[in-house]
Structures are given as structure tokens and as C-alpha cells.
Amino acid sequence: MVRVASYNIRKSIGTDWQRRPSRVLAVLRALDADVVALQEADRRFGARTSSLPPDLIARETDYKPVRLAGRPTSLGWHGNAILVRRSIEIVDQERLHLPALEPRGAVRADLRVEGLTLRVVAMHLGIVGFWRRRQARSLLDRLTAMEVLPTVMLGDLNEWNNDGGLFAHFAELHHVTDPGPSFHSQWRIASLDRIITSLDLKIEASGVVDTPEARLASDHLPVWADLSPLPQPAGQIREALAKSTSS
């Protein structure tokens, strides 16, 4: 069993408008996930310095960041970052460019965890529906071109409509899970944060971390899912992927 989580930390600025990275890390310690996708991990302007200093992560948690940043003081790419337990082997990583009017991107890491090689894609999609759908298609096209691996995509999709066309793209060959309303942390009205898995993964359980600490640490609450592998021949997945992208 592997626990994954997604958390938009709003540059470590809490709902009291104080930047307190230790609060974010405390929420992550309590969540105890193996892999965490972060959104808005880095500051938006200038050197885009990480709001979670790597030395603080090392000192206060059992996590290490996947090396994704294009800048020496950043943690991720366009604010997207991935933290993994120190015992997890990082096999490969990649920054993914997304089509957008505003700066957007995603990141990928292939990991060996609990005897499973797992592909993780962390993303923060745009606020305009047309561009969100293009971004979803871009991610799926990239995955189609790669070796088939059990895959989880997770992050802040910025989709307010549960019937939005964005989900139709992902659902062609994936399970789209709604762990529950995660935004706003003070009054949970929207399921902006989602977890999407390939057909060879089973979600055993999922949920939202709704604690006093989490409600204070960011305007989003973390979402999580426990995953286990299912037998699914890679050839069948590849055939379905090819059919999906050609239609």
C-alpha cells in the first residue's frame, strides 16, 4: 500500500496571512504520506525561492524533494514540487511544459516505493476552462509516448464543475477520484484537488485532511489516497491509450 497526497500550500501563507512553513510541514507529518505533490511551493516572483526551505524539510520531516527546480533556490517547477520519503528511490524526473496563457507546468517523477515502480505527475492547472482541457490533453499525450507504468496524477485542477469537460479527458483511461471538498479550508465548498490513477492501480481509501492545523496552514486542505497495484497487462493499457489519442 502506498499513500499519496496533494497539497496546495499557497507559498506557506496561512489563513491568518502569516508565512509559516513549519505549519505546513507539521500537517504533512501528521498525514504521513509516502509521496506528496505540492502546488504553490515556490514564491511567484524574483528568484522564486521555495517557501519550504530544503534544510527545514530535512530537519523537521522524513521527506526529501525530487530535484526538479530550474533555479537554485526553488523547490519545483512553476510552483509544482514532489516530496518523497527518504527511503524511496527516485528513478527519473522531468519538468513538463503545459500550453497556457499564464505560466503553468507540471512535474513527473518515477519512483520505486514498496516494491512498486510508480509514476507520479504533480500538476496545477489553469483558471480558464479552455486551457485546462488543453493542458490535460498535453499531459495525457506525453504519458502515451512513454513506457507504461502504474501512474498517479494529482494536484489542484482548478475545476469547479464536477461535470466539467476536463474530467472527461482524464477519465478516458483513468480513474478520477474526488476525495472531497478541499477548498476553501475555512469553508469547504469545492473539490479543486483531485487524484487520478491509471487502471492498474486501486484506490483503497481516500479523503481530505480537515484539522484545525490544516485549516490554518493554507487556504487548501490536503487530499490523500491509499493505492495498491492491480494486475493489468501493459499491452492492454498501451492499446487503449493509442485508441484514445487517435480518436
C-alpha atoms as a PDB file:
ATOM      1  CA  MET A   1       0.000   0.000   0.000  1.00  0.00           C
ATOM      2  CA  VAL A   2       1.291   3.447  -0.959  1.00  0.00           C
ATOM      3  CA  ARG A   3      -0.181   6.668   0.378  1.00  0.00           C
ATOM      4  CA  VAL A   4      -0.057   9.679  -1.941  1.00  0.00           C
ATOM      5  CA  ALA A   5      -1.209  13.200  -1.159  1.00  0.00           C
ATOM      6  CA  SER A   6      -1.668  16.552  -2.848  1.00  0.00           C
ATOM      7  CA  TYR A   7      -1.451  19.909  -1.104  1.00  0.00           C
ATOM      8  CA  ASN A   8      -1.676  23.463  -2.418  1.00  0.00           C
ATOM      9  CA  ILE A   9       0.303  25.269   0.284  1.00  0.00           C
ATOM     10  CA  ARG A  10      -0.153  28.836  -1.050  1.00  0.00           C
ATOM     11  CA  LYS A  11       3.537  29.602  -0.625  1.00  0.00           C
ATOM     12  CA  SER A  12       3.215  28.610   3.059  1.00  0.00           C
ATOM     13  CA  ILE A  13       0.902  31.549   3.776  1.00  0.00           C
ATOM     14  CA  GLY A  14      -1.858  30.505   6.151  1.00  0.00           C
ATOM     15  CA  THR A  15      -5.392  31.747   6.521  1.00  0.00           C
ATOM     16  CA  ASP A  16      -4.073  34.170   9.145  1.00  0.00           C
ATOM     17  CA  TRP A  17      -1.871  35.654   6.343  1.00  0.00           C
ATOM     18  CA  GLN A  18       1.318  34.622   8.123  1.00  0.00           C
ATOM     19  CA  ARG A  19       4.019  32.711   6.229  1.00  0.00           C
ATOM     20  CA  ARG A  20       4.798  29.740   8.476  1.00  0.00           C
ATOM     21  CA  PRO A  21       6.435  26.830   6.613  1.00  0.00           C
ATOM     22  CA  SER A  22       6.718  24.812   9.835  1.00  0.00           C
ATOM     23  CA  ARG A  23       2.909  24.667   9.999  1.00  0.00           C
ATOM     24  CA  VAL A  24       2.773  23.136   6.532  1.00  0.00           C
ATOM     25  CA  LEU A  25       5.401  20.568   7.484  1.00  0.00           C
ATOM     26  CA  ALA A  26       3.505  19.700  10.663  1.00  0.00           C
ATOM     27  CA  VAL A  27       0.405  18.972   8.583  1.00  0.00           C
ATOM     28  CA  LEU A  28       2.483  16.737   6.304  1.00  0.00           C
ATOM     29  CA  ARG A  29       3.996  14.857   9.237  1.00  0.00           C
ATOM     30  CA  ALA A  30       0.530  14.098  10.588  1.00  0.00           C
ATOM     31  CA  LEU A  31      -0.675  12.983   7.147  1.00  0.00           C
ATOM     32  CA  ASP A  32       2.245  10.534   6.888  1.00  0.00           C
ATOM     33  CA  ALA A  33       2.064  10.039   3.104  1.00  0.00           C
ATOM     34  CA  ASP A  34       4.815   8.309   1.146  1.00  0.00           C
ATOM     35  CA  VAL A  35       4.633  10.807  -1.731  1.00  0.00           C
ATOM     36  CA  VAL A  36       3.344  14.385  -1.640  1.00  0.00           C
ATOM     37  CA  ALA A  37       2.598  16.613  -4.630  1.00  0.00           C
ATOM     38  CA  LEU A  38       2.820  20.292  -3.712  1.00  0.00           C
ATOM     39  CA  GLN A  39       1.393  23.276  -5.546  1.00  0.00           C
ATOM     40  CA  GLU A  40       2.478  26.886  -4.998  1.00  0.00           C
ATOM     41  CA  ALA A  41       5.603  25.674  -3.232  1.00  0.00           C
ATOM     42  CA  ASP A  42       7.778  28.486  -4.593  1.00  0.00           C
ATOM     43  CA  ARG A  43       7.287  32.220  -4.443  1.00  0.00           C
ATOM     44  CA  ARG A  44       5.894  33.710  -7.620  1.00  0.00           C
ATOM     45  CA  PHE A  45       8.361  36.490  -8.429  1.00  0.00           C
ATOM     46  CA  GLY A  46      12.079  37.259  -8.384  1.00  0.00           C
ATOM     47  CA  ALA A  47      14.279  34.241  -7.679  1.00  0.00           C
ATOM     48  CA  ARG A  48      11.141  32.183  -6.955  1.00  0.00           C
ATOM     49  CA  THR A  49      12.664  30.987  -3.718  1.00  0.00           C
ATOM     50  CA  SER A  50      10.996  27.988  -2.151  1.00  0.00           C
ATOM     51  CA  SER A  51       8.623  28.768   0.702  1.00  0.00           C
ATOM     52  CA  LEU A  52       9.718  25.431   2.217  1.00  0.00           C
ATOM     53  CA  PRO A  53      13.484  25.651   2.716  1.00  0.00           C
ATOM     54  CA  PRO A  54      15.158  22.292   1.956  1.00  0.00           C
ATOM     55  CA  ASP A  55      17.117  22.386   5.223  1.00  0.00           C
ATOM     56  CA  LEU A  56      13.849  22.826   7.135  1.00  0.00           C
ATOM     57  CA  ILE A  57      12.301  19.886   5.283  1.00  0.00           C
ATOM     58  CA  ALA A  58      15.317  17.744   6.182  1.00  0.00           C
ATOM     59  CA  ARG A  59      15.289  18.865   9.810  1.00  0.00           C
ATOM     60  CA  GLU A  60      11.564  18.557  10.523  1.00  0.00           C
ATOM     61  CA  THR A  61      10.383  15.688   8.298  1.00  0.00           C
ATOM     62  CA  ASP A  62      11.354  12.341   6.797  1.00  0.00           C
ATOM     63  CA  TYR A  63      10.989  13.773   3.274  1.00  0.00           C
ATOM     64  CA  LYS A  64      13.388  14.695   0.510  1.00  0.00           C
ATOM     65  CA  PRO A  65      12.474  16.799  -2.546  1.00  0.00           C
ATOM     66  CA  VAL A  66      12.688  15.408  -6.056  1.00  0.00           C
ATOM     67  CA  ARG A  67      15.225  17.551  -7.917  1.00  0.00           C
ATOM     68  CA  LEU A  68      13.019  19.400 -10.372  1.00  0.00           C
ATOM     69  CA  ALA A  69      13.826  23.084  -9.969  1.00  0.00           C
ATOM     70  CA  GLY A  70      15.356  25.111 -12.768  1.00  0.00           C
ATOM     71  CA  ARG A  71      16.552  27.714 -10.258  1.00  0.00           C
ATOM     72  CA  PRO A  72      18.978  27.094  -7.394  1.00  0.00           C
ATOM     73  CA  THR A  73      16.665  28.461  -4.694  1.00  0.00           C
ATOM     74  CA  SER A  74      13.445  26.866  -5.976  1.00  0.00           C
ATOM     75  CA  LEU A  75      11.916  23.576  -4.933  1.00  0.00           C
ATOM     76  CA  GLY A  76       9.934  22.819  -8.084  1.00  0.00           C
ATOM     77  CA  TRP A  77       8.698  23.978 -11.477  1.00  0.00           C
ATOM     78  CA  HIS A  78       6.051  26.692 -11.733  1.00  0.00           C
ATOM     79  CA  GLY A  79       5.384  26.013  -8.066  1.00  0.00           C
ATOM     80  CA  ASN A  80       4.878  22.258  -8.545  1.00  0.00           C
ATOM     81  CA  ALA A  81       7.092  20.070  -6.379  1.00  0.00           C
ATOM     82  CA  ILE A  82       7.221  16.465  -5.187  1.00  0.00           C
ATOM     83  CA  LEU A  83       8.361  15.280  -1.763  1.00  0.00           C
ATOM     84  CA  VAL A  84       9.079  11.601  -1.101  1.00  0.00           C
ATOM     85  CA  ARG A  85      10.197   9.613   1.913  1.00  0.00           C
ATOM     86  CA  ARG A  86      13.970   9.436   2.168  1.00  0.00           C
ATOM     87  CA  SER A  87      13.859   5.650   1.718  1.00  0.00           C
ATOM     88  CA  ILE A  88      12.201   5.948  -1.715  1.00  0.00           C
ATOM     89  CA  GLU A  89      14.414   5.644  -4.785  1.00  0.00           C
ATOM     90  CA  ILE A  90      13.971   8.360  -7.405  1.00  0.00           C
ATOM     91  CA  VAL A  91      14.455   6.672 -10.779  1.00  0.00           C
ATOM     92  CA  ASP A  92      13.731   9.576 -13.127  1.00  0.00           C
ATOM     93  CA  GLN A  93      12.256  13.070 -13.096  1.00  0.00           C
ATOM     94  CA  GLU A  94      11.084  15.633 -15.629  1.00  0.00           C
ATOM     95  CA  ARG A  95       9.652  19.140 -15.906  1.00  0.00           C
ATOM     96  CA  LEU A  96       6.603  19.250 -18.178  1.00  0.00           C
ATOM     97  CA  HIS A  97       5.621  22.334 -20.158  1.00  0.00           C
ATOM     98  CA  LEU A  98       1.900  22.971 -20.478  1.00  0.00           C
ATOM     99  CA  PRO A  99       0.104  25.149 -23.038  1.00  0.00           C
ATOM    100  CA  ALA A 100      -1.228  28.246 -21.294  1.00  0.00           C
ATOM    101  CA  LEU A 101      -1.713  31.987 -21.383  1.00  0.00           C
ATOM    102  CA  GLU A 102      -0.350  32.157 -17.828  1.00  0.00           C
ATOM    103  CA  PRO A 103       2.781  30.395 -16.544  1.00  0.00           C
ATOM    104  CA  ARG A 104       1.784  26.770 -15.939  1.00  0.00           C
ATOM    105  CA  GLY A 105       3.627  23.496 -15.749  1.00  0.00           C
ATOM    106  CA  ALA A 106       3.650  20.025 -14.267  1.00  0.00           C
ATOM    107  CA  VAL A 107       6.372  17.704 -12.993  1.00  0.00           C
ATOM    108  CA  ARG A 108       6.927  13.969 -13.219  1.00  0.00           C
ATOM    109  CA  ALA A 109       8.874  11.535 -11.073  1.00  0.00           C
ATOM    110  CA  ASP A 110       9.272   7.783 -11.486  1.00  0.00           C
ATOM    111  CA  LEU A 111       9.761   6.192  -8.074  1.00  0.00           C
ATOM    112  CA  ARG A 112      10.435   2.806  -6.540  1.00  0.00           C
ATOM    113  CA  VAL A 113       8.299   2.524  -3.435  1.00  0.00           C
ATOM    114  CA  GLU A 114       7.119  -0.548  -1.541  1.00  0.00           C
ATOM    115  CA  GLY A 115       8.344  -2.813  -4.358  1.00  0.00           C
ATOM    116  CA  LEU A 116       6.354  -0.853  -6.951  1.00  0.00           C
ATOM    117  CA  THR A 117       7.657   1.375  -9.723  1.00  0.00           C
ATOM    118  CA  LEU A 118       5.227   4.267  -9.645  1.00  0.00           C
ATOM    119  CA  ARG A 119       4.955   7.263 -11.954  1.00  0.00           C
ATOM    120  CA  VAL A 120       3.792  10.445 -10.209  1.00  0.00           C
ATOM    121  CA  VAL A 121       2.654  13.566 -12.069  1.00  0.00           C
ATOM    122  CA  ALA A 122       2.052  16.691  -9.976  1.00  0.00           C
ATOM    123  CA  MET A 123       0.110  19.494 -11.613  1.00  0.00           C
ATOM    124  CA  HIS A 124      -1.589  22.836 -11.081  1.00  0.00           C
ATOM    125  CA  LEU A 125      -3.880  23.588 -13.996  1.00  0.00           C
ATOM    126  CA  GLY A 126      -5.062  26.960 -15.254  1.00  0.00           C
ATOM    127  CA  ILE A 127      -8.059  29.011 -14.237  1.00  0.00           C
ATOM    128  CA  VAL A 128      -9.589  29.130 -17.755  1.00  0.00           C
ATOM    129  CA  GLY A 129     -11.505  26.029 -18.834  1.00  0.00           C
ATOM    130  CA  PHE A 130     -10.288  26.043 -22.449  1.00  0.00           C
ATOM    131  CA  TRP A 131      -6.671  26.000 -21.314  1.00  0.00           C
ATOM    132  CA  ARG A 132      -7.302  23.384 -18.599  1.00  0.00           C
ATOM    133  CA  ARG A 133      -8.611  20.995 -21.230  1.00  0.00           C
ATOM    134  CA  ARG A 134      -5.604  21.637 -23.470  1.00  0.00           C
ATOM    135  CA  GLN A 135      -3.290  21.063 -20.519  1.00  0.00           C
ATOM    136  CA  ALA A 136      -4.988  17.767 -19.685  1.00  0.00           C
ATOM    137  CA  ARG A 137      -4.609  16.611 -23.288  1.00  0.00           C
ATOM    138  CA  SER A 138      -0.946  17.651 -23.305  1.00  0.00           C
ATOM    139  CA  LEU A 139      -0.220  15.619 -20.172  1.00  0.00           C
ATOM    140  CA  LEU A 140      -2.014  12.557 -21.496  1.00  0.00           C
ATOM    141  CA  ASP A 141      -0.193  12.787 -24.829  1.00  0.00           C
ATOM    142  CA  ARG A 142       3.132  12.916 -23.003  1.00  0.00           C
ATOM    143  CA  LEU A 143       2.275   9.852 -20.933  1.00  0.00           C
ATOM    144  CA  THR A 144       1.172   7.959 -24.050  1.00  0.00           C
ATOM    145  CA  ALA A 145       4.614   8.469 -25.557  1.00  0.00           C
ATOM    146  CA  MET A 146       6.340   6.945 -22.523  1.00  0.00           C
ATOM    147  CA  GLU A 147       6.834   3.466 -21.123  1.00  0.00           C
ATOM    148  CA  VAL A 148       3.645   2.268 -19.456  1.00  0.00           C
ATOM    149  CA  LEU A 149       3.878   2.379 -15.662  1.00  0.00           C
ATOM    150  CA  PRO A 150       1.328   2.492 -12.852  1.00  0.00           C
ATOM    151  CA  THR A 151       0.602   6.209 -12.764  1.00  0.00           C
ATOM    152  CA  VAL A 152      -0.985   8.675 -10.394  1.00  0.00           C
ATOM    153  CA  MET A 153      -1.676  12.268 -11.436  1.00  0.00           C
ATOM    154  CA  LEU A 154      -2.653  14.637  -8.685  1.00  0.00           C
ATOM    155  CA  GLY A 155      -2.906  18.301  -7.887  1.00  0.00           C
ATOM    156  CA  ASP A 156      -5.037  21.410  -7.985  1.00  0.00           C
ATOM    157  CA  LEU A 157      -7.112  21.105 -11.167  1.00  0.00           C
ATOM    158  CA  ASN A 158      -8.941  24.423 -10.637  1.00  0.00           C
ATOM    159  CA  GLU A 159     -12.134  22.755 -11.924  1.00  0.00           C
ATOM    160  CA  TRP A 160     -15.220  23.942 -10.018  1.00  0.00           C
ATOM    161  CA  ASN A 161     -17.737  21.973 -12.088  1.00  0.00           C
ATOM    162  CA  ASN A 162     -17.895  18.288 -11.182  1.00  0.00           C
ATOM    163  CA  ASP A 163     -19.200  17.580 -14.686  1.00  0.00           C
ATOM    164  CA  GLY A 164     -16.518  19.678 -16.381  1.00  0.00           C
ATOM    165  CA  GLY A 165     -15.120  18.531 -19.706  1.00  0.00           C
ATOM    166  CA  LEU A 166     -11.685  18.361 -18.127  1.00  0.00           C
ATOM    167  CA  PHE A 167     -12.619  15.174 -16.276  1.00  0.00           C
ATOM    168  CA  ALA A 168     -13.820  13.527 -19.480  1.00  0.00           C
ATOM    169  CA  HIS A 169     -10.286  13.749 -20.862  1.00  0.00           C
ATOM    170  CA  PHE A 170      -8.717  12.102 -17.829  1.00  0.00           C
ATOM    171  CA  ALA A 171     -11.498   9.517 -17.458  1.00  0.00           C
ATOM    172  CA  GLU A 172     -10.868   8.047 -20.924  1.00  0.00           C
ATOM    173  CA  LEU A 173      -8.342   5.663 -19.437  1.00  0.00           C
ATOM    174  CA  HIS A 174      -8.034   6.617 -15.773  1.00  0.00           C
ATOM    175  CA  HIS A 175      -9.983   6.651 -12.564  1.00  0.00           C
ATOM    176  CA  VAL A 176     -10.737  10.210 -11.422  1.00  0.00           C
ATOM    177  CA  THR A 177     -11.172  10.343  -7.657  1.00  0.00           C
ATOM    178  CA  ASP A 178     -12.819  13.110  -5.688  1.00  0.00           C
ATOM    179  CA  PRO A 179     -11.525  12.791  -2.113  1.00  0.00           C
ATOM    180  CA  GLY A 180     -13.944  15.551  -1.038  1.00  0.00           C
ATOM    181  CA  PRO A 181     -14.197  19.347  -0.899  1.00  0.00           C
ATOM    182  CA  SER A 182     -10.770  20.776  -0.131  1.00  0.00           C
ATOM    183  CA  PHE A 183     -11.211  24.494  -0.874  1.00  0.00           C
ATOM    184  CA  HIS A 184     -11.611  26.843   0.897  1.00  0.00           C
ATOM    185  CA  SER A 185     -10.044  25.404   4.044  1.00  0.00           C
ATOM    186  CA  GLN A 186     -12.286  27.606   6.203  1.00  0.00           C
ATOM    187  CA  TRP A 187     -15.482  26.660   4.379  1.00  0.00           C
ATOM    188  CA  ARG A 188     -15.235  23.604   2.162  1.00  0.00           C
ATOM    189  CA  ILE A 189     -17.197  24.386  -0.984  1.00  0.00           C
ATOM    190  CA  ALA A 190     -15.196  22.973  -3.935  1.00  0.00           C
ATOM    191  CA  SER A 191     -13.300  19.798  -4.857  1.00  0.00           C
ATOM    192  CA  LEU A 192     -10.454  21.528  -6.670  1.00  0.00           C
ATOM    193  CA  ASP A 193      -7.819  18.973  -5.617  1.00  0.00           C
ATOM    194  CA  ARG A 194      -8.089  15.588  -7.324  1.00  0.00           C
ATOM    195  CA  ILE A 195      -6.275  12.258  -7.572  1.00  0.00           C
ATOM    196  CA  ILE A 196      -6.266  10.428 -10.917  1.00  0.00           C
ATOM    197  CA  THR A 197      -4.922   6.887 -11.312  1.00  0.00           C
ATOM    198  CA  SER A 198      -4.209   4.506 -14.151  1.00  0.00           C
ATOM    199  CA  LEU A 199      -6.362   1.395 -14.417  1.00  0.00           C
ATOM    200  CA  ASP A 200      -3.679  -0.803 -12.866  1.00  0.00           C
ATOM    201  CA  LEU A 201      -3.972   0.987  -9.521  1.00  0.00           C
ATOM    202  CA  LYS A 202      -6.750   0.551  -6.986  1.00  0.00           C
ATOM    203  CA  ILE A 203      -7.691   3.310  -4.562  1.00  0.00           C
ATOM    204  CA  GLU A 204      -8.315   1.558  -1.264  1.00  0.00           C
ATOM    205  CA  ALA A 205      -9.317   4.734   0.576  1.00  0.00           C
ATOM    206  CA  SER A 206      -9.160   8.497   0.114  1.00  0.00           C
ATOM    207  CA  GLY A 207     -10.046  11.642   1.989  1.00  0.00           C
ATOM    208  CA  VAL A 208      -9.393  15.231   2.979  1.00  0.00           C
ATOM    209  CA  VAL A 209      -7.332  16.316   5.988  1.00  0.00           C
ATOM    210  CA  ASP A 210      -9.698  18.638   7.845  1.00  0.00           C
ATOM    211  CA  THR A 211      -7.987  19.503  11.115  1.00  0.00           C
ATOM    212  CA  PRO A 212      -7.547  22.822  12.947  1.00  0.00           C
ATOM    213  CA  GLU A 213      -3.880  22.813  11.942  1.00  0.00           C
ATOM    214  CA  ALA A 214      -4.654  22.220   8.264  1.00  0.00           C
ATOM    215  CA  ARG A 215      -7.393  24.849   8.208  1.00  0.00           C
ATOM    216  CA  LEU A 216      -4.832  27.394   9.414  1.00  0.00           C
ATOM    217  CA  ALA A 217      -1.803  26.349   7.330  1.00  0.00           C
ATOM    218  CA  SER A 218      -3.226  27.122   3.849  1.00  0.00           C
ATOM    219  CA  ASP A 219      -6.421  28.034   2.018  1.00  0.00           C
ATOM    220  CA  HIS A 220      -6.499  24.476   0.614  1.00  0.00           C
ATOM    221  CA  LEU A 221      -6.736  21.277   2.642  1.00  0.00           C
ATOM    222  CA  PRO A 222      -4.554  18.296   1.707  1.00  0.00           C
ATOM    223  CA  VAL A 223      -6.156  15.352  -0.076  1.00  0.00           C
ATOM    224  CA  TRP A 224      -4.833  11.794   0.086  1.00  0.00           C
ATOM    225  CA  ALA A 225      -5.345   8.292  -1.275  1.00  0.00           C
ATOM    226  CA  ASP A 226      -4.052   4.823  -0.406  1.00  0.00           C
ATOM    227  CA  LEU A 227      -3.080   2.905  -3.554  1.00  0.00           C
ATOM    228  CA  SER A 228      -2.425  -0.751  -4.302  1.00  0.00           C
ATOM    229  CA  PRO A 229      -1.453  -2.337  -7.643  1.00  0.00           C
ATOM    230  CA  LEU A 230      -3.900  -4.337  -9.766  1.00  0.00           C
ATOM    231  CA  PRO A 231      -2.918  -6.856 -12.442  1.00  0.00           C
ATOM    232  CA  GLN A 232      -3.407  -5.120 -15.785  1.00  0.00           C
ATOM    233  CA  PRO A 233      -1.335  -6.219 -18.807  1.00  0.00           C
ATOM    234  CA  ALA A 234       0.711  -3.314 -20.125  1.00  0.00           C
ATOM    235  CA  GLY A 235      -0.234  -4.221 -23.690  1.00  0.00           C
ATOM    236  CA  GLN A 236      -3.904  -3.678 -22.992  1.00  0.00           C
ATOM    237  CA  ILE A 237      -3.176  -0.278 -21.473  1.00  0.00           C
ATOM    238  CA  ARG A 238      -0.976   0.720 -24.419  1.00  0.00           C
ATOM    239  CA  GLU A 239      -3.647  -0.356 -26.912  1.00  0.00           C
ATOM    240  CA  ALA A 240      -6.308   1.635 -25.086  1.00  0.00           C
ATOM    241  CA  LEU A 241      -4.028   4.671 -24.879  1.00  0.00           C
ATOM    242  CA  ALA A 242      -3.329   4.575 -28.602  1.00  0.00           C
ATOM    243  CA  LYS A 243      -7.033   4.263 -29.374  1.00  0.00           C
ATOM    244  CA  SER A 244      -7.831   7.146 -27.047  1.00  0.00           C
ATOM    245  CA  THR A 245      -5.320   9.567 -28.571  1.00  0.00           C
ATOM    246  CA  SER A 246      -6.221   8.697 -32.175  1.00  0.00           C
ATOM    247  CA  SER A 247      -9.956   9.303 -31.654  1.00  0.00           C
END
